[in-house]
Amino acid sequence: KVAPRPWVVDGAIGPRSVITTTLSADHRVSDGHAGALFLA
């Protein structure tokens, strides 16, 4: 869900809308480094 979170923007903390995204992937094909770049 999109939820309000305290977030640092330009050095100041303020409320922002944040969504948590997850990746479940096959380790026979990729690894955590590639997965991190994909989510980013």
All heavy atoms as atom14 arrays in JSON, in Angstrom:
{
  "sequence": "KVAPRPWVVDGAIGPRSVITTTLSADHRVSDGHAGALFLA",
  "atom14_mask": [
    [1, 1, 1, 1, 1, 1, 1, 1, 1, 0, 0, 0, 0, 0],
    [1, 1, 1, 1, 1, 1, 1, 0, 0, 0, 0, 0, 0, 0],
    [1, 1, 1, 1, 1, 0, 0, 0, 0, 0, 0, 0, 0, 0],
    [1, 1, 1, 1, 1, 1, 1, 0, 0, 0, 0, 0, 0, 0],
    [1, 1, 1, 1, 1, 1, 1, 1, 1, 1, 1, 0, 0, 0],
    [1, 1, 1, 1, 1, 1, 1, 0, 0, 0, 0, 0, 0, 0],
    [1, 1, 1, 1, 1, 1, 1, 1, 1, 1, 1, 1, 1, 1],
    [1, 1, 1, 1, 1, 1, 1, 0, 0, 0, 0, 0, 0, 0],
    [1, 1, 1, 1, 1, 1, 1, 0, 0, 0, 0, 0, 0, 0],
    [1, 1, 1, 1, 1, 1, 1, 1, 0, 0, 0, 0, 0, 0],
    [1, 1, 1, 1, 0, 0, 0, 0, 0, 0, 0, 0, 0, 0],
    [1, 1, 1, 1, 1, 0, 0, 0, 0, 0, 0, 0, 0, 0],
    [1, 1, 1, 1, 1, 1, 1, 1, 0, 0, 0, 0, 0, 0],
    [1, 1, 1, 1, 0, 0, 0, 0, 0, 0, 0, 0, 0, 0],
    [1, 1, 1, 1, 1, 1, 1, 0, 0, 0, 0, 0, 0, 0],
    [1, 1, 1, 1, 1, 1, 1, 1, 1, 1, 1, 0, 0, 0],
    [1, 1, 1, 1, 1, 1, 0, 0, 0, 0, 0, 0, 0, 0],
    [1, 1, 1, 1, 1, 1, 1, 0, 0, 0, 0, 0, 0, 0],
    [1, 1, 1, 1, 1, 1, 1, 1, 0, 0, 0, 0, 0, 0],
    [1, 1, 1, 1, 1, 1, 1, 0, 0, 0, 0, 0, 0, 0],
    [1, 1, 1, 1, 1, 1, 1, 0, 0, 0, 0, 0, 0, 0],
    [1, 1, 1, 1, 1, 1, 1, 0, 0, 0, 0, 0, 0, 0],
    [1, 1, 1, 1, 1, 1, 1, 1, 0, 0, 0, 0, 0, 0],
    [1, 1, 1, 1, 1, 1, 0, 0, 0, 0, 0, 0, 0, 0],
    [1, 1, 1, 1, 1, 0, 0, 0, 0, 0, 0, 0, 0, 0],
    [1, 1, 1, 1, 1, 1, 1, 1, 0, 0, 0, 0, 0, 0],
    [1, 1, 1, 1, 1, 1, 1, 1, 1, 1, 0, 0, 0, 0],
    [1, 1, 1, 1, 1, 1, 1, 1, 1, 1, 1, 0, 0, 0],
    [1, 1, 1, 1, 1, 1, 1, 0, 0, 0, 0, 0, 0, 0],
    [1, 1, 1, 1, 1, 1, 0, 0, 0, 0, 0, 0, 0, 0],
    [1, 1, 1, 1, 1, 1, 1, 1, 0, 0, 0, 0, 0, 0],
    [1, 1, 1, 1, 0, 0, 0, 0, 0, 0, 0, 0, 0, 0],
    [1, 1, 1, 1, 1, 1, 1, 1, 1, 1, 0, 0, 0, 0],
    [1, 1, 1, 1, 1, 0, 0, 0, 0, 0, 0, 0, 0, 0],
    [1, 1, 1, 1, 0, 0, 0, 0, 0, 0, 0, 0, 0, 0],
    [1, 1, 1, 1, 1, 0, 0, 0, 0, 0, 0, 0, 0, 0],
    [1, 1, 1, 1, 1, 1, 1, 1, 0, 0, 0, 0, 0, 0],
    [1, 1, 1, 1, 1, 1, 1, 1, 1, 1, 1, 0, 0, 0],
    [1, 1, 1, 1, 1, 1, 1, 1, 0, 0, 0, 0, 0, 0],
    [1, 1, 1, 1, 1, 0, 0, 0, 0, 0, 0, 0, 0, 0]
  ],
  "atom14_positions": [
    [[0.83, -1.21, 0.0], [0.0, 0.0, 0.0], [0.86, 1.26, 0.0], [2.02, 1.25, 0.44], [-0.92, 0.0, 1.22], [-0.2, 0.2, 2.55], [-1.19, 0.23, 3.71], [-0.48, 0.46, 5.04], [-1.42, 0.48, 6.18], [0.0, 0.0, 0.0], [0.0, 0.0, 0.0], [0.0, 0.0, 0.0], [0.0, 0.0, 0.0], [0.0, 0.0, 0.0]],
    [[0.29, 2.32, -0.51], [0.94, 3.64, -0.42], [0.64, 4.18, 0.98], [-0.52, 4.31, 1.37], [0.4, 4.59, -1.5], [1.04, 5.97, -1.34], [0.68, 4.02, -2.89], [0.0, 0.0, 0.0], [0.0, 0.0, 0.0], [0.0, 0.0, 0.0], [0.0, 0.0, 0.0], [0.0, 0.0, 0.0], [0.0, 0.0, 0.0], [0.0, 0.0, 0.0]],
    [[1.69, 4.48, 1.73], [1.51, 4.91, 3.12], [2.37, 6.14, 3.41], [3.46, 6.29, 2.85], [1.88, 3.78, 4.08], [0.0, 0.0, 0.0], [0.0, 0.0, 0.0], [0.0, 0.0, 0.0], [0.0, 0.0, 0.0], [0.0, 0.0, 0.0], [0.0, 0.0, 0.0], [0.0, 0.0, 0.0], [0.0, 0.0, 0.0], [0.0, 0.0, 0.0]],
    [[1.89, 7.07, 4.28], [2.71, 8.23, 4.66], [3.87, 7.8, 5.55], [3.7, 7.03, 6.5], [1.72, 9.12, 5.43], [0.68, 8.17, 5.94], [0.56, 7.07, 4.93], [0.0, 0.0, 0.0], [0.0, 0.0, 0.0], [0.0, 0.0, 0.0], [0.0, 0.0, 0.0], [0.0, 0.0, 0.0], [0.0, 0.0, 0.0], [0.0, 0.0, 0.0]],
    [[5.06, 8.26, 5.22], [6.27, 7.91, 5.99], [7.1, 9.18, 6.22], [7.1, 10.09, 5.38], [7.13, 6.91, 5.23], [6.42, 5.66, 4.74], [6.37, 4.61, 5.8], [5.89, 3.35, 5.25], [5.2, 2.46, 5.92], [4.9, 2.69, 7.19], [4.8, 1.34, 5.36], [0.0, 0.0, 0.0], [0.0, 0.0, 0.0], [0.0, 0.0, 0.0]],
    [[7.83, 9.22, 7.32], [8.81, 10.3, 7.47], [9.96, 10.06, 6.5], [10.5, 8.96, 6.44], [9.26, 10.18, 8.94], [8.96, 8.75, 9.31], [7.79, 8.34, 8.5], [0.0, 0.0, 0.0], [0.0, 0.0, 0.0], [0.0, 0.0, 0.0], [0.0, 0.0, 0.0], [0.0, 0.0, 0.0], [0.0, 0.0, 0.0], [0.0, 0.0, 0.0]],
    [[10.31, 11.06, 5.73], [11.27, 10.88, 4.64], [12.2, 12.09, 4.57], [11.77, 13.22, 4.8], [10.5, 10.75, 3.32], [11.19, 9.97, 2.24], [11.83, 10.47, 1.15], [11.29, 8.56, 2.14], [12.32, 9.46, 0.37], [11.99, 8.26, 0.95], [10.84, 7.5, 2.93], [12.28, 6.96, 0.53], [11.11, 6.2, 2.51], [11.82, 5.94, 1.34]],
    [[13.46, 11.85, 4.28], [14.41, 12.95, 4.17], [14.46, 13.44, 2.73], [14.76, 12.67, 1.81], [15.82, 12.51, 4.62], [16.81, 13.67, 4.43], [15.8, 12.05, 6.07], [0.0, 0.0, 0.0], [0.0, 0.0, 0.0], [0.0, 0.0, 0.0], [0.0, 0.0, 0.0], [0.0, 0.0, 0.0], [0.0, 0.0, 0.0], [0.0, 0.0, 0.0]],
    [[14.13, 14.73, 2.54], [14.18, 15.35, 1.21], [14.97, 16.64, 1.34], [14.61, 17.52, 2.12], [12.76, 15.64, 0.67], [12.86, 16.29, -0.71], [11.94, 14.37, 0.6], [0.0, 0.0, 0.0], [0.0, 0.0, 0.0], [0.0, 0.0, 0.0], [0.0, 0.0, 0.0], [0.0, 0.0, 0.0], [0.0, 0.0, 0.0], [0.0, 0.0, 0.0]],
    [[16.06, 16.74, 0.56], [16.92, 17.94, 0.61], [17.38, 18.26, 2.02], [17.37, 19.42, 2.46], [16.18, 19.14, 0.0], [15.86, 18.95, -1.47], [16.63, 18.24, -2.15], [14.82, 19.47, -1.92], [0.0, 0.0, 0.0], [0.0, 0.0, 0.0], [0.0, 0.0, 0.0], [0.0, 0.0, 0.0], [0.0, 0.0, 0.0], [0.0, 0.0, 0.0]],
    [[17.71, 17.22, 2.78], [18.25, 17.41, 4.11], [17.24, 17.65, 5.2], [17.61, 17.81, 6.37], [0.0, 0.0, 0.0], [0.0, 0.0, 0.0], [0.0, 0.0, 0.0], [0.0, 0.0, 0.0], [0.0, 0.0, 0.0], [0.0, 0.0, 0.0], [0.0, 0.0, 0.0], [0.0, 0.0, 0.0], [0.0, 0.0, 0.0], [0.0, 0.0, 0.0]],
    [[15.95, 17.68, 4.86], [14.91, 17.92, 5.86], [13.94, 16.74, 5.89], [13.66, 16.11, 4.86], [14.16, 19.21, 5.54], [0.0, 0.0, 0.0], [0.0, 0.0, 0.0], [0.0, 0.0, 0.0], [0.0, 0.0, 0.0], [0.0, 0.0, 0.0], [0.0, 0.0, 0.0], [0.0, 0.0, 0.0], [0.0, 0.0, 0.0], [0.0, 0.0, 0.0]],
    [[13.44, 16.45, 7.11], [12.49, 15.36, 7.26], [11.07, 15.88, 7.08], [10.68, 16.91, 7.64], [12.62, 14.7, 8.65], [14.01, 14.08, 8.81], [11.54, 13.64, 8.85], [14.25, 13.47, 10.17], [0.0, 0.0, 0.0], [0.0, 0.0, 0.0], [0.0, 0.0, 0.0], [0.0, 0.0, 0.0], [0.0, 0.0, 0.0], [0.0, 0.0, 0.0]],
    [[10.3, 15.16, 6.27], [8.91, 15.55, 6.05], [8.08, 14.34, 5.67], [8.61, 13.27, 5.37], [0.0, 0.0, 0.0], [0.0, 0.0, 0.0], [0.0, 0.0, 0.0], [0.0, 0.0, 0.0], [0.0, 0.0, 0.0], [0.0, 0.0, 0.0], [0.0, 0.0, 0.0], [0.0, 0.0, 0.0], [0.0, 0.0, 0.0], [0.0, 0.0, 0.0]],
    [[6.76, 14.49, 5.65], [5.89, 13.37, 5.27], [5.9, 13.15, 3.76], [5.78, 14.09, 2.98], [4.51, 13.82, 5.76], [4.57, 15.31, 5.71], [5.98, 15.7, 6.02], [0.0, 0.0, 0.0], [0.0, 0.0, 0.0], [0.0, 0.0, 0.0], [0.0, 0.0, 0.0], [0.0, 0.0, 0.0], [0.0, 0.0, 0.0], [0.0, 0.0, 0.0]],
    [[6.07, 11.91, 3.37], [6.03, 11.55, 1.95], [5.19, 10.28, 1.77], [5.04, 9.47, 2.69], [7.44, 11.29, 1.4], [8.42, 12.43, 1.6], [8.11, 13.62, 0.74], [8.46, 13.4, -0.67], [8.34, 14.33, -1.61], [7.87, 15.54, -1.3], [8.67, 14.06, -2.86], [0.0, 0.0, 0.0], [0.0, 0.0, 0.0], [0.0, 0.0, 0.0]],
    [[4.65, 10.1, 0.58], [3.91, 8.88, 0.25], [4.89, 7.84, -0.26], [5.61, 8.08, -1.24], [2.86, 9.17, -0.82], [1.88, 10.07, -0.32], [0.0, 0.0, 0.0], [0.0, 0.0, 0.0], [0.0, 0.0, 0.0], [0.0, 0.0, 0.0], [0.0, 0.0, 0.0], [0.0, 0.0, 0.0], [0.0, 0.0, 0.0], [0.0, 0.0, 0.0]],
    [[4.91, 6.69, 0.4], [5.92, 5.67, 0.1], [5.23, 4.33, -0.14], [4.27, 3.98, 0.56], [6.93, 5.54, 1.27], [7.92, 4.4, 1.01], [7.67, 6.85, 1.47], [0.0, 0.0, 0.0], [0.0, 0.0, 0.0], [0.0, 0.0, 0.0], [0.0, 0.0, 0.0], [0.0, 0.0, 0.0], [0.0, 0.0, 0.0], [0.0, 0.0, 0.0]],
    [[5.73, 3.6, -1.13], [5.22, 2.26, -1.42], [6.37, 1.27, -1.31], [7.5, 1.56, -1.73], [4.57, 2.2, -2.82], [3.82, 0.89, -3.01], [5.58, 2.41, -3.92], [2.96, 0.86, -4.28], [0.0, 0.0, 0.0], [0.0, 0.0, 0.0], [0.0, 0.0, 0.0], [0.0, 0.0, 0.0], [0.0, 0.0, 0.0], [0.0, 0.0, 0.0]],
    [[6.12, 0.11, -0.72], [7.13, -0.93, -0.6], [7.0, -1.89, -1.77], [5.93, -2.46, -2.01], [6.99, -1.7, 0.72], [7.14, -0.79, 1.82], [8.03, -2.8, 0.84], [0.0, 0.0, 0.0], [0.0, 0.0, 0.0], [0.0, 0.0, 0.0], [0.0, 0.0, 0.0], [0.0, 0.0, 0.0], [0.0, 0.0, 0.0], [0.0, 0.0, 0.0]],
    [[8.09, -2.05, -2.51], [8.14, -2.95, -3.66], [9.08, -4.09, -3.35], [10.15, -3.89, -2.77], [8.64, -2.2, -4.91], [7.83, -1.04, -5.11], [8.57, -3.07, -6.14], [0.0, 0.0, 0.0], [0.0, 0.0, 0.0], [0.0, 0.0, 0.0], [0.0, 0.0, 0.0], [0.0, 0.0, 0.0], [0.0, 0.0, 0.0], [0.0, 0.0, 0.0]],
    [[8.68, -5.31, -3.72], [9.51, -6.47, -3.44], [9.79, -7.24, -4.73], [9.02, -7.18, -5.7], [8.84, -7.43, -2.44], [7.6, -7.89, -2.98], [8.59, -6.74, -1.11], [0.0, 0.0, 0.0], [0.0, 0.0, 0.0], [0.0, 0.0, 0.0], [0.0, 0.0, 0.0], [0.0, 0.0, 0.0], [0.0, 0.0, 0.0], [0.0, 0.0, 0.0]],
    [[10.88, -7.98, -4.71], [11.24, -8.86, -5.81], [11.49, -10.25, -5.26], [12.26, -10.42, -4.31], [12.51, -8.34, -6.51], [13.2, -9.32, -7.47], [12.34, -9.57, -8.72], [14.59, -8.82, -7.88], [0.0, 0.0, 0.0], [0.0, 0.0, 0.0], [0.0, 0.0, 0.0], [0.0, 0.0, 0.0], [0.0, 0.0, 0.0], [0.0, 0.0, 0.0]],
    [[10.83, -11.24, -5.84], [11.15, -12.64, -5.61], [11.73, -13.15, -6.91], [11.06, -13.08, -7.95], [9.91, -13.45, -5.24], [9.25, -12.89, -4.12], [0.0, 0.0, 0.0], [0.0, 0.0, 0.0], [0.0, 0.0, 0.0], [0.0, 0.0, 0.0], [0.0, 0.0, 0.0], [0.0, 0.0, 0.0], [0.0, 0.0, 0.0], [0.0, 0.0, 0.0]],
    [[12.97, -13.63, -6.9], [13.63, -14.0, -8.15], [14.33, -15.36, -8.02], [14.56, -15.86, -6.92], [14.63, -12.93, -8.56], [0.0, 0.0, 0.0], [0.0, 0.0, 0.0], [0.0, 0.0, 0.0], [0.0, 0.0, 0.0], [0.0, 0.0, 0.0], [0.0, 0.0, 0.0], [0.0, 0.0, 0.0], [0.0, 0.0, 0.0], [0.0, 0.0, 0.0]],
    [[14.65, -15.92, -9.17], [15.25, -17.26, -9.28], [16.77, -17.13, -9.24], [17.38, -16.55, -10.14], [14.78, -17.89, -10.59], [15.18, -19.35, -10.72], [16.15, -19.76, -10.07], [14.53, -20.07, -11.5], [0.0, 0.0, 0.0], [0.0, 0.0, 0.0], [0.0, 0.0, 0.0], [0.0, 0.0, 0.0], [0.0, 0.0, 0.0], [0.0, 0.0, 0.0]],
    [[17.41, -17.72, -8.19], [18.85, -17.6, -8.02], [19.63, -18.38, -9.07], [20.85, -18.19, -9.21], [19.25, -18.07, -6.62], [20.13, -17.1, -5.9], [21.15, -16.41, -6.53], [20.16, -16.68, -4.61], [21.76, -15.64, -5.66], [21.18, -15.77, -4.48], [0.0, 0.0, 0.0], [0.0, 0.0, 0.0], [0.0, 0.0, 0.0], [0.0, 0.0, 0.0]],
    [[18.98, -19.24, -9.82], [19.67, -19.94, -10.91], [19.93, -19.01, -12.09], [20.75, -19.31, -12.96], [18.83, -21.14, -11.39], [18.61, -22.22, -10.34], [17.59, -23.25, -10.82], [16.28, -22.65, -11.08], [15.21, -23.35, -11.46], [15.31, -24.67, -11.62], [14.05, -22.75, -11.68], [0.0, 0.0, 0.0], [0.0, 0.0, 0.0], [0.0, 0.0, 0.0]],
    [[19.19, -17.9, -12.11], [19.25, -16.99, -13.26], [19.88, -15.65, -12.9], [20.62, -15.06, -13.7], [17.83, -16.77, -13.83], [17.85, -15.8, -15.0], [17.22, -18.1, -14.26], [0.0, 0.0, 0.0], [0.0, 0.0, 0.0], [0.0, 0.0, 0.0], [0.0, 0.0, 0.0], [0.0, 0.0, 0.0], [0.0, 0.0, 0.0], [0.0, 0.0, 0.0]],
    [[19.58, -15.13, -11.72], [20.08, -13.81, -11.33], [20.55, -13.84, -9.88], [20.4, -14.85, -9.19], [18.99, -12.75, -11.51], [17.89, -13.02, -10.65], [0.0, 0.0, 0.0], [0.0, 0.0, 0.0], [0.0, 0.0, 0.0], [0.0, 0.0, 0.0], [0.0, 0.0, 0.0], [0.0, 0.0, 0.0], [0.0, 0.0, 0.0], [0.0, 0.0, 0.0]],
    [[21.08, -12.72, -9.43], [21.53, -12.62, -8.03], [21.07, -11.3, -7.43], [20.43, -10.48, -8.11], [23.06, -12.77, -7.93], [23.81, -11.78, -8.81], [23.3, -10.66, -9.03], [24.9, -12.12, -9.29], [0.0, 0.0, 0.0], [0.0, 0.0, 0.0], [0.0, 0.0, 0.0], [0.0, 0.0, 0.0], [0.0, 0.0, 0.0], [0.0, 0.0, 0.0]],
    [[21.41, -11.09, -6.16], [20.95, -9.9, -5.45], [21.43, -8.6, -6.05], [20.71, -7.59, -6.0], [0.0, 0.0, 0.0], [0.0, 0.0, 0.0], [0.0, 0.0, 0.0], [0.0, 0.0, 0.0], [0.0, 0.0, 0.0], [0.0, 0.0, 0.0], [0.0, 0.0, 0.0], [0.0, 0.0, 0.0], [0.0, 0.0, 0.0], [0.0, 0.0, 0.0]],
    [[22.64, -8.59, -6.64], [23.14, -7.35, -7.25], [22.25, -6.93, -8.41], [21.82, -5.77, -8.48], [24.57, -7.57, -7.73], [25.13, -6.4, -8.49], [25.49, -5.21, -7.89], [25.38, -6.23, -9.83], [25.93, -4.36, -8.79], [25.88, -4.96, -9.98], [0.0, 0.0, 0.0], [0.0, 0.0, 0.0], [0.0, 0.0, 0.0], [0.0, 0.0, 0.0]],
    [[21.97, -7.88, -9.3], [21.1, -7.57, -10.45], [19.68, -7.23, -9.97], [19.04, -6.31, -10.5], [21.05, -8.76, -11.41], [0.0, 0.0, 0.0], [0.0, 0.0, 0.0], [0.0, 0.0, 0.0], [0.0, 0.0, 0.0], [0.0, 0.0, 0.0], [0.0, 0.0, 0.0], [0.0, 0.0, 0.0], [0.0, 0.0, 0.0], [0.0, 0.0, 0.0]],
    [[19.21, -7.95, -8.94], [17.88, -7.67, -8.41], [17.75, -6.28, -7.83], [16.73, -5.61, -8.0], [0.0, 0.0, 0.0], [0.0, 0.0, 0.0], [0.0, 0.0, 0.0], [0.0, 0.0, 0.0], [0.0, 0.0, 0.0], [0.0, 0.0, 0.0], [0.0, 0.0, 0.0], [0.0, 0.0, 0.0], [0.0, 0.0, 0.0], [0.0, 0.0, 0.0]],
    [[18.82, -5.82, -7.15], [18.8, -4.48, -6.57], [18.73, -3.42, -7.66], [18.0, -2.43, -7.55], [20.05, -4.28, -5.7], [0.0, 0.0, 0.0], [0.0, 0.0, 0.0], [0.0, 0.0, 0.0], [0.0, 0.0, 0.0], [0.0, 0.0, 0.0], [0.0, 0.0, 0.0], [0.0, 0.0, 0.0], [0.0, 0.0, 0.0], [0.0, 0.0, 0.0]],
    [[19.49, -3.62, -8.73], [19.45, -2.66, -9.84], [18.08, -2.64, -10.5], [17.58, -1.58, -10.91], [20.52, -3.03, -10.88], [21.98, -2.89, -10.42], [22.93, -3.42, -11.5], [22.32, -1.44, -10.08], [0.0, 0.0, 0.0], [0.0, 0.0, 0.0], [0.0, 0.0, 0.0], [0.0, 0.0, 0.0], [0.0, 0.0, 0.0], [0.0, 0.0, 0.0]],
    [[17.46, -3.82, -10.61], [16.13, -3.93, -11.21], [15.09, -3.16, -10.39], [14.31, -2.37, -10.93], [15.77, -5.41, -11.31], [14.44, -5.7, -11.95], [14.07, -5.1, -13.14], [13.55, -6.59, -11.37], [12.86, -5.38, -13.75], [12.34, -6.87, -11.95], [11.99, -6.27, -13.14], [0.0, 0.0, 0.0], [0.0, 0.0, 0.0], [0.0, 0.0, 0.0]],
    [[15.09, -3.37, -9.07], [14.14, -2.66, -8.21], [14.41, -1.15, -8.23], [13.47, -0.34, -8.21], [14.22, -3.19, -6.78], [13.53, -4.52, -6.5], [13.7, -4.91, -5.03], [12.05, -4.46, -6.85], [0.0, 0.0, 0.0], [0.0, 0.0, 0.0], [0.0, 0.0, 0.0], [0.0, 0.0, 0.0], [0.0, 0.0, 0.0], [0.0, 0.0, 0.0]],
    [[15.69, -0.77, -8.24], [16.02, 0.67, -8.28], [15.51, 1.3, -9.56], [15.05, 2.46, -9.56], [17.54, 0.84, -8.16], [0.0, 0.0, 0.0], [0.0, 0.0, 0.0], [0.0, 0.0, 0.0], [0.0, 0.0, 0.0], [0.0, 0.0, 0.0], [0.0, 0.0, 0.0], [0.0, 0.0, 0.0], [0.0, 0.0, 0.0], [0.0, 0.0, 0.0]]
  ]
}
